Every structure is written in structure tokens, then in C-alpha cells.
Amino acid sequence: MSYKVRNITNSCHCSSGEELAKICNREILNSYPWLRLRWVRIHGHRWSYLFGNSNEICMNAKKIRLNEDYGIYIDNHESLDEQELGALIAALKRCFQ
């Protein structure tokens, strides 16, 4: 696991919900400042925008369900190699368990 992903995992232990999403957002952008992120709250089939650094709709965004209640879109996920993206997604899912 890269040190960048490890920082995200280490930062998420004492928080939950939207506060956790904000902590993860800060850590991700510290490590990957070029990523375009949109955090969402999940209500059944509806994914409602909470916050992020991208207001534009991206047609090829990576949609990631982190748990029953929260998810994230990574608009420019192709800027990470597959291994790093996979490690990032796995770390986020562990944080939101």
C-alpha cells in the first residue's frame, strides 16, 4: 500500500458519516490534488451531492459505493494507474465500514 493511501486509512478511525467524508476528501486531495471528487449521500437509488471540488457532470466518472449511505464519484479516475486507484477505493471502503 502506498504512503498516500496509508495516510487516508490512518486518518479515518474516529469519525463517521459526513465528517468522515470531509476528512477523507482532505487527505485524498493532499495526496492527489488533481483529482476531481464529488461526495454523495445515498438514499435508495438516488445519489445526492454533498460536496466536492467538481461541480460539473462528468460522463465517464467512476461511481463508487462506500457503504449503504455514502459514495463518491471520481471524475478523472483515469489519471491514476489501476493499482493505485484500486488501493484508494479499498482504503475508502475500509474507512466507511
PDB file of N, CA and C in Angstrom:
ATOM      1  N   MET A   1       0.853  -1.172   0.000  1.00  0.00           N
ATOM      2  CA  MET A   1       0.000   0.000   0.000  1.00  0.00           C
ATOM      3  C   MET A   1       0.898   1.234   0.000  1.00  0.00           C
ATOM      4  N   SER A   2       0.605   2.193  -0.845  1.00  0.00           N
ATOM      5  CA  SER A   2       1.436   3.388  -0.934  1.00  0.00           C
ATOM      6  C   SER A   2       1.247   4.270   0.297  1.00  0.00           C
ATOM      7  N   TYR A   3       2.225   5.111   0.570  1.00  0.00           N
ATOM      8  CA  TYR A   3       2.126   6.011   1.717  1.00  0.00           C
ATOM      9  C   TYR A   3       0.944   6.954   1.577  1.00  0.00           C
ATOM     10  N   LYS A   4       0.578   7.309   0.344  1.00  0.00           N
ATOM     11  CA  LYS A   4      -0.561   8.206   0.131  1.00  0.00           C
ATOM     12  C   LYS A   4      -1.851   7.559   0.610  1.00  0.00           C
ATOM     13  N   VAL A   5      -2.058   6.316   0.245  1.00  0.00           N
ATOM     14  CA  VAL A   5      -3.269   5.601   0.654  1.00  0.00           C
ATOM     15  C   VAL A   5      -3.227   5.321   2.151  1.00  0.00           C
ATOM     16  N   ARG A   6      -2.068   5.020   2.687  1.00  0.00           N
ATOM     17  CA  ARG A   6      -1.916   4.769   4.120  1.00  0.00           C
ATOM     18  C   ARG A   6      -2.336   5.995   4.924  1.00  0.00           C
ATOM     19  N   ASN A   7      -2.007   7.201   4.456  1.00  0.00           N
ATOM     20  CA  ASN A   7      -2.421   8.426   5.144  1.00  0.00           C
ATOM     21  C   ASN A   7      -3.932   8.526   5.234  1.00  0.00           C
ATOM     22  N   ILE A   8      -4.616   8.135   4.185  1.00  0.00           N
ATOM     23  CA  ILE A   8      -6.080   8.180   4.176  1.00  0.00           C
ATOM     24  C   ILE A   8      -6.627   7.205   5.214  1.00  0.00           C
ATOM     25  N   THR A   9      -6.114   5.987   5.228  1.00  0.00           N
ATOM     26  CA  THR A   9      -6.577   4.967   6.166  1.00  0.00           C
ATOM     27  C   THR A   9      -6.305   5.382   7.604  1.00  0.00           C
ATOM     28  N   ASN A  10      -5.155   5.967   7.872  1.00  0.00           N
ATOM     29  CA  ASN A  10      -4.797   6.369   9.230  1.00  0.00           C
ATOM     30  C   ASN A  10      -5.641   7.523   9.747  1.00  0.00           C
ATOM     31  N   SER A  11      -6.226   8.303   8.876  1.00  0.00           N
ATOM     32  CA  SER A  11      -6.976   9.494   9.275  1.00  0.00           C
ATOM     33  C   SER A  11      -8.441   9.228   9.579  1.00  0.00           C
ATOM     34  N   CYS A  12      -8.927   8.035   9.343  1.00  0.00           N
ATOM     35  CA  CYS A  12     -10.378   7.827   9.353  1.00  0.00           C
ATOM     36  C   CYS A  12     -10.918   7.076  10.555  1.00  0.00           C
ATOM     37  N   HIS A  13     -10.163   6.880  11.592  1.00  0.00           N
ATOM     38  CA  HIS A  13     -10.594   5.971  12.653  1.00  0.00           C
ATOM     39  C   HIS A  13     -11.642   6.521  13.613  1.00  0.00           C
ATOM     40  N   CYS A  14     -11.687   7.798  13.864  1.00  0.00           N
ATOM     41  CA  CYS A  14     -12.547   8.319  14.928  1.00  0.00           C
ATOM     42  C   CYS A  14     -13.719   9.130  14.413  1.00  0.00           C
ATOM     43  N   SER A  15     -14.079   8.979  13.186  1.00  0.00           N
ATOM     44  CA  SER A  15     -15.147   9.779  12.604  1.00  0.00           C
ATOM     45  C   SER A  15     -16.132   8.881  11.882  1.00  0.00           C
ATOM     46  N   SER A  16     -17.266   9.468  11.539  1.00  0.00           N
ATOM     47  CA  SER A  16     -18.246   8.727  10.753  1.00  0.00           C
ATOM     48  C   SER A  16     -19.058   9.697   9.913  1.00  0.00           C
ATOM     49  N   GLY A  17     -19.762   9.160   8.938  1.00  0.00           N
ATOM     50  CA  GLY A  17     -20.676   9.948   8.133  1.00  0.00           C
ATOM     51  C   GLY A  17     -20.024  11.061   7.348  1.00  0.00           C
ATOM     52  N   GLU A  18     -20.697  12.203   7.315  1.00  0.00           N
ATOM     53  CA  GLU A  18     -20.221  13.323   6.511  1.00  0.00           C
ATOM     54  C   GLU A  18     -18.892  13.864   7.024  1.00  0.00           C
ATOM     55  N   GLU A  19     -18.677  13.825   8.337  1.00  0.00           N
ATOM     56  CA  GLU A  19     -17.394  14.261   8.894  1.00  0.00           C
ATOM     57  C   GLU A  19     -16.260  13.384   8.364  1.00  0.00           C
ATOM     58  N   LEU A  20     -16.493  12.093   8.310  1.00  0.00           N
ATOM     59  CA  LEU A  20     -15.501  11.163   7.765  1.00  0.00           C
ATOM     60  C   LEU A  20     -15.241  11.457   6.293  1.00  0.00           C
ATOM     61  N   ALA A  21     -16.294  11.731   5.539  1.00  0.00           N
ATOM     62  CA  ALA A  21     -16.133  12.061   4.119  1.00  0.00           C
ATOM     63  C   ALA A  21     -15.265  13.303   3.955  1.00  0.00           C
ATOM     64  N   LYS A  22     -15.465  14.305   4.798  1.00  0.00           N
ATOM     65  CA  LYS A  22     -14.662  15.535   4.706  1.00  0.00           C
ATOM     66  C   LYS A  22     -13.199  15.269   5.044  1.00  0.00           C
ATOM     67  N   ILE A  23     -12.950  14.431   6.044  1.00  0.00           N
ATOM     68  CA  ILE A  23     -11.571  14.073   6.397  1.00  0.00           C
ATOM     69  C   ILE A  23     -10.915  13.322   5.239  1.00  0.00           C
ATOM     70  N   CYS A  24     -11.628  12.352   4.689  1.00  0.00           N
ATOM     71  CA  CYS A  24     -11.087  11.587   3.556  1.00  0.00           C
ATOM     72  C   CYS A  24     -10.848  12.487   2.350  1.00  0.00           C
ATOM     73  N   ASN A  25     -11.775  13.400   2.093  1.00  0.00           N
ATOM     74  CA  ASN A  25     -11.625  14.338   0.978  1.00  0.00           C
ATOM     75  C   ASN A  25     -10.338  15.145   1.128  1.00  0.00           C
ATOM     76  N   ARG A  26     -10.108  15.666   2.327  1.00  0.00           N
ATOM     77  CA  ARG A  26      -8.897  16.458   2.583  1.00  0.00           C
ATOM     78  C   ARG A  26      -7.642  15.622   2.350  1.00  0.00           C
ATOM     79  N   GLU A  27      -7.628  14.396   2.874  1.00  0.00           N
ATOM     80  CA  GLU A  27      -6.453  13.534   2.730  1.00  0.00           C
ATOM     81  C   GLU A  27      -6.219  13.128   1.275  1.00  0.00           C
ATOM     82  N   ILE A  28      -7.296  12.822   0.561  1.00  0.00           N
ATOM     83  CA  ILE A  28      -7.153  12.457  -0.855  1.00  0.00           C
ATOM     84  C   ILE A  28      -6.573  13.625  -1.636  1.00  0.00           C
ATOM     85  N   LEU A  29      -7.114  14.824  -1.419  1.00  0.00           N
ATOM     86  CA  LEU A  29      -6.640  15.984  -2.182  1.00  0.00           C
ATOM     87  C   LEU A  29      -5.235  16.414  -1.771  1.00  0.00           C
ATOM     88  N   ASN A  30      -4.821  16.125  -0.532  1.00  0.00           N
ATOM     89  CA  ASN A  30      -3.427  16.368  -0.145  1.00  0.00           C
ATOM     90  C   ASN A  30      -2.491  15.455  -0.927  1.00  0.00           C
ATOM     91  N   SER A  31      -2.925  14.221  -1.156  1.00  0.00           N
ATOM     92  CA  SER A  31      -2.097  13.242  -1.865  1.00  0.00           C
ATOM     93  C   SER A  31      -2.236  13.315  -3.379  1.00  0.00           C
ATOM     94  N   TYR A  32      -3.444  13.623  -3.841  1.00  0.00           N
ATOM     95  CA  TYR A  32      -3.747  13.650  -5.278  1.00  0.00           C
ATOM     96  C   TYR A  32      -4.489  14.951  -5.604  1.00  0.00           C
ATOM     97  N   PRO A  33      -3.816  16.091  -5.587  1.00  0.00           N
ATOM     98  CA  PRO A  33      -4.513  17.385  -5.730  1.00  0.00           C
ATOM     99  C   PRO A  33      -5.215  17.583  -7.070  1.00  0.00           C
ATOM    100  N   TRP A  34      -4.895  16.804  -8.067  1.00  0.00           N
ATOM    101  CA  TRP A  34      -5.513  16.955  -9.387  1.00  0.00           C
ATOM    102  C   TRP A  34      -6.839  16.195  -9.511  1.00  0.00           C
ATOM    103  N   LEU A  35      -7.158  15.315  -8.552  1.00  0.00           N
ATOM    104  CA  LEU A  35      -8.395  14.536  -8.670  1.00  0.00           C
ATOM    105  C   LEU A  35      -9.624  15.424  -8.512  1.00  0.00           C
ATOM    106  N   ARG A  36     -10.657  15.114  -9.259  1.00  0.00           N
ATOM    107  CA  ARG A  36     -11.944  15.819  -9.200  1.00  0.00           C
ATOM    108  C   ARG A  36     -12.932  14.890  -8.508  1.00  0.00           C
ATOM    109  N   LEU A  37     -13.386  15.281  -7.315  1.00  0.00           N
ATOM    110  CA  LEU A  37     -14.204  14.421  -6.466  1.00  0.00           C
ATOM    111  C   LEU A  37     -15.575  15.026  -6.206  1.00  0.00           C
ATOM    112  N   ARG A  38     -16.576  14.156  -6.129  1.00  0.00           N
ATOM    113  CA  ARG A  38     -17.923  14.556  -5.701  1.00  0.00           C
ATOM    114  C   ARG A  38     -18.409  13.514  -4.692  1.00  0.00           C
ATOM    115  N   TRP A  39     -18.625  13.942  -3.461  1.00  0.00           N
ATOM    116  CA  TRP A  39     -19.116  13.067  -2.401  1.00  0.00           C
ATOM    117  C   TRP A  39     -20.632  13.115  -2.393  1.00  0.00           C
ATOM    118  N   VAL A  40     -21.247  11.955  -2.130  1.00  0.00           N
ATOM    119  CA  VAL A  40     -22.705  11.865  -2.179  1.00  0.00           C
ATOM    120  C   VAL A  40     -23.248  11.103  -0.972  1.00  0.00           C
ATOM    121  N   ARG A  41     -24.488  11.418  -0.649  1.00  0.00           N
ATOM    122  CA  ARG A  41     -25.272  10.656   0.333  1.00  0.00           C
ATOM    123  C   ARG A  41     -26.236   9.800  -0.473  1.00  0.00           C
ATOM    124  N   ILE A  42     -26.327   8.533  -0.135  1.00  0.00           N
ATOM    125  CA  ILE A  42     -27.161   7.604  -0.892  1.00  0.00           C
ATOM    126  C   ILE A  42     -28.503   7.427  -0.180  1.00  0.00           C
ATOM    127  N   HIS A  43     -29.581   7.652  -0.930  1.00  0.00           N
ATOM    128  CA  HIS A  43     -30.952   7.461  -0.448  1.00  0.00           C
ATOM    129  C   HIS A  43     -31.621   6.490  -1.414  1.00  0.00           C
ATOM    130  N   GLY A  44     -31.546   5.211  -1.131  1.00  0.00           N
ATOM    131  CA  GLY A  44     -32.100   4.216  -2.049  1.00  0.00           C
ATOM    132  C   GLY A  44     -31.344   4.221  -3.365  1.00  0.00           C
ATOM    133  N   HIS A  45     -32.059   4.554  -4.454  1.00  0.00           N
ATOM    134  CA  HIS A  45     -31.415   4.615  -5.776  1.00  0.00           C
ATOM    135  C   HIS A  45     -30.876   6.008  -6.090  1.00  0.00           C
ATOM    136  N   ARG A  46     -31.166   6.981  -5.245  1.00  0.00           N
ATOM    137  CA  ARG A  46     -30.769   8.370  -5.509  1.00  0.00           C
ATOM    138  C   ARG A  46     -29.445   8.686  -4.820  1.00  0.00           C
ATOM    139  N   TRP A  47     -28.521   9.230  -5.585  1.00  0.00           N
ATOM    140  CA  TRP A  47     -27.237   9.671  -5.053  1.00  0.00           C
ATOM    141  C   TRP A  47     -27.258  11.193  -5.014  1.00  0.00           C
ATOM    142  N   SER A  48     -27.306  11.766  -3.800  1.00  0.00           N
ATOM    143  CA  SER A  48     -27.449  13.211  -3.612  1.00  0.00           C
ATOM    144  C   SER A  48     -26.100  13.845  -3.304  1.00  0.00           C
ATOM    145  N   TYR A  49     -25.754  14.850  -4.091  1.00  0.00           N
ATOM    146  CA  TYR A  49     -24.479  15.562  -3.941  1.00  0.00           C
ATOM    147  C   TYR A  49     -24.377  16.193  -2.556  1.00  0.00           C
ATOM    148  N   LEU A  50     -23.240  15.983  -1.877  1.00  0.00           N
ATOM    149  CA  LEU A  50     -22.955  16.628  -0.601  1.00  0.00           C
ATOM    150  C   LEU A  50     -21.963  17.773  -0.777  1.00  0.00           C
ATOM    151  N   PHE A  51     -20.799  17.446  -1.313  1.00  0.00           N
ATOM    152  CA  PHE A  51     -19.748  18.441  -1.517  1.00  0.00           C
ATOM    153  C   PHE A  51     -18.686  17.836  -2.421  1.00  0.00           C
ATOM    154  N   GLY A  52     -17.754  18.657  -2.821  1.00  0.00           N
ATOM    155  CA  GLY A  52     -16.645  18.191  -3.643  1.00  0.00           C
ATOM    156  C   GLY A  52     -15.971  19.353  -4.334  1.00  0.00           C
ATOM    157  N   ASN A  53     -14.962  19.047  -5.103  1.00  0.00           N
ATOM    158  CA  ASN A  53     -14.232  20.086  -5.817  1.00  0.00           C
ATOM    159  C   ASN A  53     -14.558  20.067  -7.304  1.00  0.00           C
ATOM    160  N   SER A  54     -15.666  19.404  -7.655  1.00  0.00           N
ATOM    161  CA  SER A  54     -16.101  19.357  -9.045  1.00  0.00           C
ATOM    162  C   SER A  54     -17.608  19.571  -9.089  1.00  0.00           C
ATOM    163  N   ASN A  55     -18.035  20.605  -9.791  1.00  0.00           N
ATOM    164  CA  ASN A  55     -19.464  20.893  -9.921  1.00  0.00           C
ATOM    165  C   ASN A  55     -20.020  20.398 -11.239  1.00  0.00           C
ATOM    166  N   GLU A  56     -19.156  20.035 -12.151  1.00  0.00           N
ATOM    167  CA  GLU A  56     -19.584  19.637 -13.488  1.00  0.00           C
ATOM    168  C   GLU A  56     -19.934  18.152 -13.516  1.00  0.00           C
ATOM    169  N   ILE A  57     -20.895  17.813 -14.346  1.00  0.00           N
ATOM    170  CA  ILE A  57     -21.251  16.415 -14.550  1.00  0.00           C
ATOM    171  C   ILE A  57     -20.253  15.817 -15.536  1.00  0.00           C
ATOM    172  N   CYS A  58     -19.677  14.706 -15.147  1.00  0.00           N
ATOM    173  CA  CYS A  58     -18.704  14.007 -15.987  1.00  0.00           C
ATOM    174  C   CYS A  58     -19.335  12.706 -16.465  1.00  0.00           C
ATOM    175  N   MET A  59     -19.291  12.463 -17.745  1.00  0.00           N
ATOM    176  CA  MET A  59     -19.952  11.294 -18.319  1.00  0.00           C
ATOM    177  C   MET A  59     -19.216   9.976 -18.036  1.00  0.00           C
ATOM    178  N   ASN A  60     -17.919  10.033 -17.749  1.00  0.00           N
ATOM    179  CA  ASN A  60     -17.183   8.785 -17.503  1.00  0.00           C
ATOM    180  C   ASN A  60     -16.627   8.718 -16.081  1.00  0.00           C
ATOM    181  N   ALA A  61     -17.319   9.356 -15.130  1.00  0.00           N
ATOM    182  CA  ALA A  61     -16.877   9.339 -13.738  1.00  0.00           C
ATOM    183  C   ALA A  61     -16.950   7.923 -13.172  1.00  0.00           C
ATOM    184  N   LYS A  62     -16.044   7.632 -12.268  1.00  0.00           N
ATOM    185  CA  LYS A  62     -16.051   6.351 -11.554  1.00  0.00           C
ATOM    186  C   LYS A  62     -16.984   6.509 -10.360  1.00  0.00           C
ATOM    187  N   LYS A  63     -18.059   5.724 -10.325  1.00  0.00           N
ATOM    188  CA  LYS A  63     -19.068   5.775  -9.268  1.00  0.00           C
ATOM    189  C   LYS A  63     -18.747   4.672  -8.265  1.00  0.00           C
ATOM    190  N   ILE A  64     -18.498   5.061  -7.008  1.00  0.00           N
ATOM    191  CA  ILE A  64     -18.060   4.101  -6.003  1.00  0.00           C
ATOM    192  C   ILE A  64     -18.989   4.174  -4.793  1.00  0.00           C
ATOM    193  N   ARG A  65     -19.626   3.070  -4.487  1.00  0.00           N
ATOM    194  CA  ARG A  65     -20.476   2.977  -3.295  1.00  0.00           C
ATOM    195  C   ARG A  65     -19.571   2.553  -2.137  1.00  0.00           C
ATOM    196  N   LEU A  66     -19.460   3.402  -1.104  1.00  0.00           N
ATOM    197  CA  LEU A  66     -18.574   3.118   0.017  1.00  0.00           C
ATOM    198  C   LEU A  66     -19.268   2.316   1.115  1.00  0.00           C
ATOM    199  N   ASN A  67     -20.541   2.561   1.307  1.00  0.00           N
ATOM    200  CA  ASN A  67     -21.390   1.777   2.208  1.00  0.00           C
ATOM    201  C   ASN A  67     -22.837   2.059   1.824  1.00  0.00           C
ATOM    202  N   GLU A  68     -23.790   1.712   2.672  1.00  0.00           N
ATOM    203  CA  GLU A  68     -25.199   1.929   2.322  1.00  0.00           C
ATOM    204  C   GLU A  68     -25.554   3.402   2.195  1.00  0.00           C
ATOM    205  N   ASP A  69     -24.819   4.260   2.888  1.00  0.00           N
ATOM    206  CA  ASP A  69     -25.197   5.669   2.994  1.00  0.00           C
ATOM    207  C   ASP A  69     -24.332   6.652   2.214  1.00  0.00           C
ATOM    208  N   TYR A  70     -23.102   6.292   1.893  1.00  0.00           N
ATOM    209  CA  TYR A  70     -22.178   7.247   1.274  1.00  0.00           C
ATOM    210  C   TYR A  70     -21.489   6.659   0.048  1.00  0.00           C
ATOM    211  N   GLY A  71     -21.183   7.551  -0.879  1.00  0.00           N
ATOM    212  CA  GLY A  71     -20.466   7.177  -2.087  1.00  0.00           C
ATOM    213  C   GLY A  71     -19.639   8.350  -2.581  1.00  0.00           C
ATOM    214  N   ILE A  72     -18.888   8.104  -3.627  1.00  0.00           N
ATOM    215  CA  ILE A  72     -18.033   9.138  -4.207  1.00  0.00           C
ATOM    216  C   ILE A  72     -17.966   8.916  -5.714  1.00  0.00           C
ATOM    217  N   TYR A  73     -17.901  10.008  -6.444  1.00  0.00           N
ATOM    218  CA  TYR A  73     -17.597   9.977  -7.870  1.00  0.00           C
ATOM    219  C   TYR A  73     -16.185  10.528  -8.030  1.00  0.00           C
ATOM    220  N   ILE A  74     -15.361   9.846  -8.791  1.00  0.00           N
ATOM    221  CA  ILE A  74     -14.042  10.360  -9.161  1.00  0.00           C
ATOM    222  C   ILE A  74     -14.114  10.645 -10.651  1.00  0.00           C
ATOM    223  N   ASP A  75     -14.157  11.930 -10.998  1.00  0.00           N
ATOM    224  CA  ASP A  75     -14.377  12.328 -12.389  1.00  0.00           C
ATOM    225  C   ASP A  75     -13.211  11.964 -13.298  1.00  0.00           C
ATOM    226  N   ASN A  76     -12.005  12.139 -12.816  1.00  0.00           N
ATOM    227  CA  ASN A  76     -10.828  11.883 -13.653  1.00  0.00           C
ATOM    228  C   ASN A  76     -10.013  10.703 -13.111  1.00  0.00           C
ATOM    229  N   HIS A  77     -10.698   9.618 -12.822  1.00  0.00           N
ATOM    230  CA  HIS A  77     -10.069   8.424 -12.257  1.00  0.00           C
ATOM    231  C   HIS A  77      -8.973   7.864 -13.151  1.00  0.00           C
ATOM    232  N   GLU A  78      -9.043   8.119 -14.441  1.00  0.00           N
ATOM    233  CA  GLU A  78      -8.032   7.586 -15.365  1.00  0.00           C
ATOM    234  C   GLU A  78      -6.661   8.225 -15.147  1.00  0.00           C
ATOM    235  N   SER A  79      -6.585   9.284 -14.327  1.00  0.00           N
ATOM    236  CA  SER A  79      -5.290   9.905 -14.039  1.00  0.00           C
ATOM    237  C   SER A  79      -4.479   9.096 -13.023  1.00  0.00           C
ATOM    238  N   LEU A  80      -5.104   8.090 -12.404  1.00  0.00           N
ATOM    239  CA  LEU A  80      -4.396   7.168 -11.514  1.00  0.00           C
ATOM    240  C   LEU A  80      -4.217   5.835 -12.229  1.00  0.00           C
ATOM    241  N   ASP A  81      -3.099   5.155 -11.960  1.00  0.00           N
ATOM    242  CA  ASP A  81      -2.973   3.822 -12.547  1.00  0.00           C
ATOM    243  C   ASP A  81      -3.928   2.879 -11.809  1.00  0.00           C
ATOM    244  N   GLU A  82      -4.234   1.751 -12.423  1.00  0.00           N
ATOM    245  CA  GLU A  82      -5.251   0.836 -11.890  1.00  0.00           C
ATOM    246  C   GLU A  82      -4.929   0.361 -10.480  1.00  0.00           C
ATOM    247  N   GLN A  83      -3.665   0.097 -10.207  1.00  0.00           N
ATOM    248  CA  GLN A  83      -3.271  -0.391  -8.889  1.00  0.00           C
ATOM    249  C   GLN A  83      -3.506   0.680  -7.825  1.00  0.00           C
ATOM    250  N   GLU A  84      -3.109   1.906  -8.104  1.00  0.00           N
ATOM    251  CA  GLU A  84      -3.289   2.995  -7.142  1.00  0.00           C
ATOM    252  C   GLU A  84      -4.773   3.300  -6.938  1.00  0.00           C
ATOM    253  N   LEU A  85      -5.556   3.297  -8.018  1.00  0.00           N
ATOM    254  CA  LEU A  85      -6.998   3.521  -7.909  1.00  0.00           C
ATOM    255  C   LEU A  85      -7.640   2.410  -7.079  1.00  0.00           C
ATOM    256  N   GLY A  86      -7.260   1.174  -7.328  1.00  0.00           N
ATOM    257  CA  GLY A  86      -7.795   0.054  -6.555  1.00  0.00           C
ATOM    258  C   GLY A  86      -7.461   0.160  -5.077  1.00  0.00           C
ATOM    259  N   ALA A  87      -6.235   0.565  -4.767  1.00  0.00           N
ATOM    260  CA  ALA A  87      -5.823   0.728  -3.371  1.00  0.00           C
ATOM    261  C   ALA A  87      -6.594   1.867  -2.710  1.00  0.00           C
ATOM    262  N   LEU A  88      -6.816   2.953  -3.442  1.00  0.00           N
ATOM    263  CA  LEU A  88      -7.576   4.086  -2.914  1.00  0.00           C
ATOM    264  C   LEU A  88      -9.016   3.675  -2.610  1.00  0.00           C
ATOM    265  N   ILE A  89      -9.652   2.981  -3.533  1.00  0.00           N
ATOM    266  CA  ILE A  89     -11.035   2.536  -3.338  1.00  0.00           C
ATOM    267  C   ILE A  89     -11.120   1.579  -2.148  1.00  0.00           C
ATOM    268  N   ALA A  90     -10.191   0.640  -2.052  1.00  0.00           N
ATOM    269  CA  ALA A  90     -10.193  -0.316  -0.936  1.00  0.00           C
ATOM    270  C   ALA A  90     -10.025   0.403   0.399  1.00  0.00           C
ATOM    271  N   ALA A  91      -9.139   1.396   0.452  1.00  0.00           N
ATOM    272  CA  ALA A  91      -8.926   2.152   1.690  1.00  0.00           C
ATOM    273  C   ALA A  91     -10.186   2.917   2.078  1.00  0.00           C
ATOM    274  N   LEU A  92     -10.842   3.544   1.108  1.00  0.00           N
ATOM    275  CA  LEU A  92     -12.074   4.276   1.406  1.00  0.00           C
ATOM    276  C   LEU A  92     -13.167   3.336   1.910  1.00  0.00           C
ATOM    277  N   LYS A  93     -13.300   2.186   1.294  1.00  0.00           N
ATOM    278  CA  LYS A  93     -14.323   1.229   1.737  1.00  0.00           C
ATOM    279  C   LYS A  93     -14.034   0.734   3.150  1.00  0.00           C
ATOM    280  N   ARG A  94     -12.751   0.533   3.494  1.00  0.00           N
ATOM    281  CA  ARG A  94     -12.402   0.144   4.868  1.00  0.00           C
ATOM    282  C   ARG A  94     -12.783   1.248   5.846  1.00  0.00           C
ATOM    283  N   CYS A  95     -12.527   2.487   5.479  1.00  0.00           N
ATOM    284  CA  CYS A  95     -12.859   3.617   6.352  1.00  0.00           C
ATOM    285  C   CYS A  95     -14.358   3.716   6.606  1.00  0.00           C
ATOM    286  N   PHE A  96     -15.159   3.405   5.606  1.00  0.00           N
ATOM    287  CA  PHE A  96     -16.608   3.577   5.710  1.00  0.00           C
ATOM    288  C   PHE A  96     -17.341   2.308   6.145  1.00  0.00           C
ATOM    289  N   GLN A  97     -16.622   1.297   6.608  1.00  0.00           N
ATOM    290  CA  GLN A  97     -17.274   0.058   7.071  1.00  0.00           C
ATOM    291  C   GLN A  97     -18.129   0.325   8.281  1.00  0.00           C
TER     292      GLN A  97
END
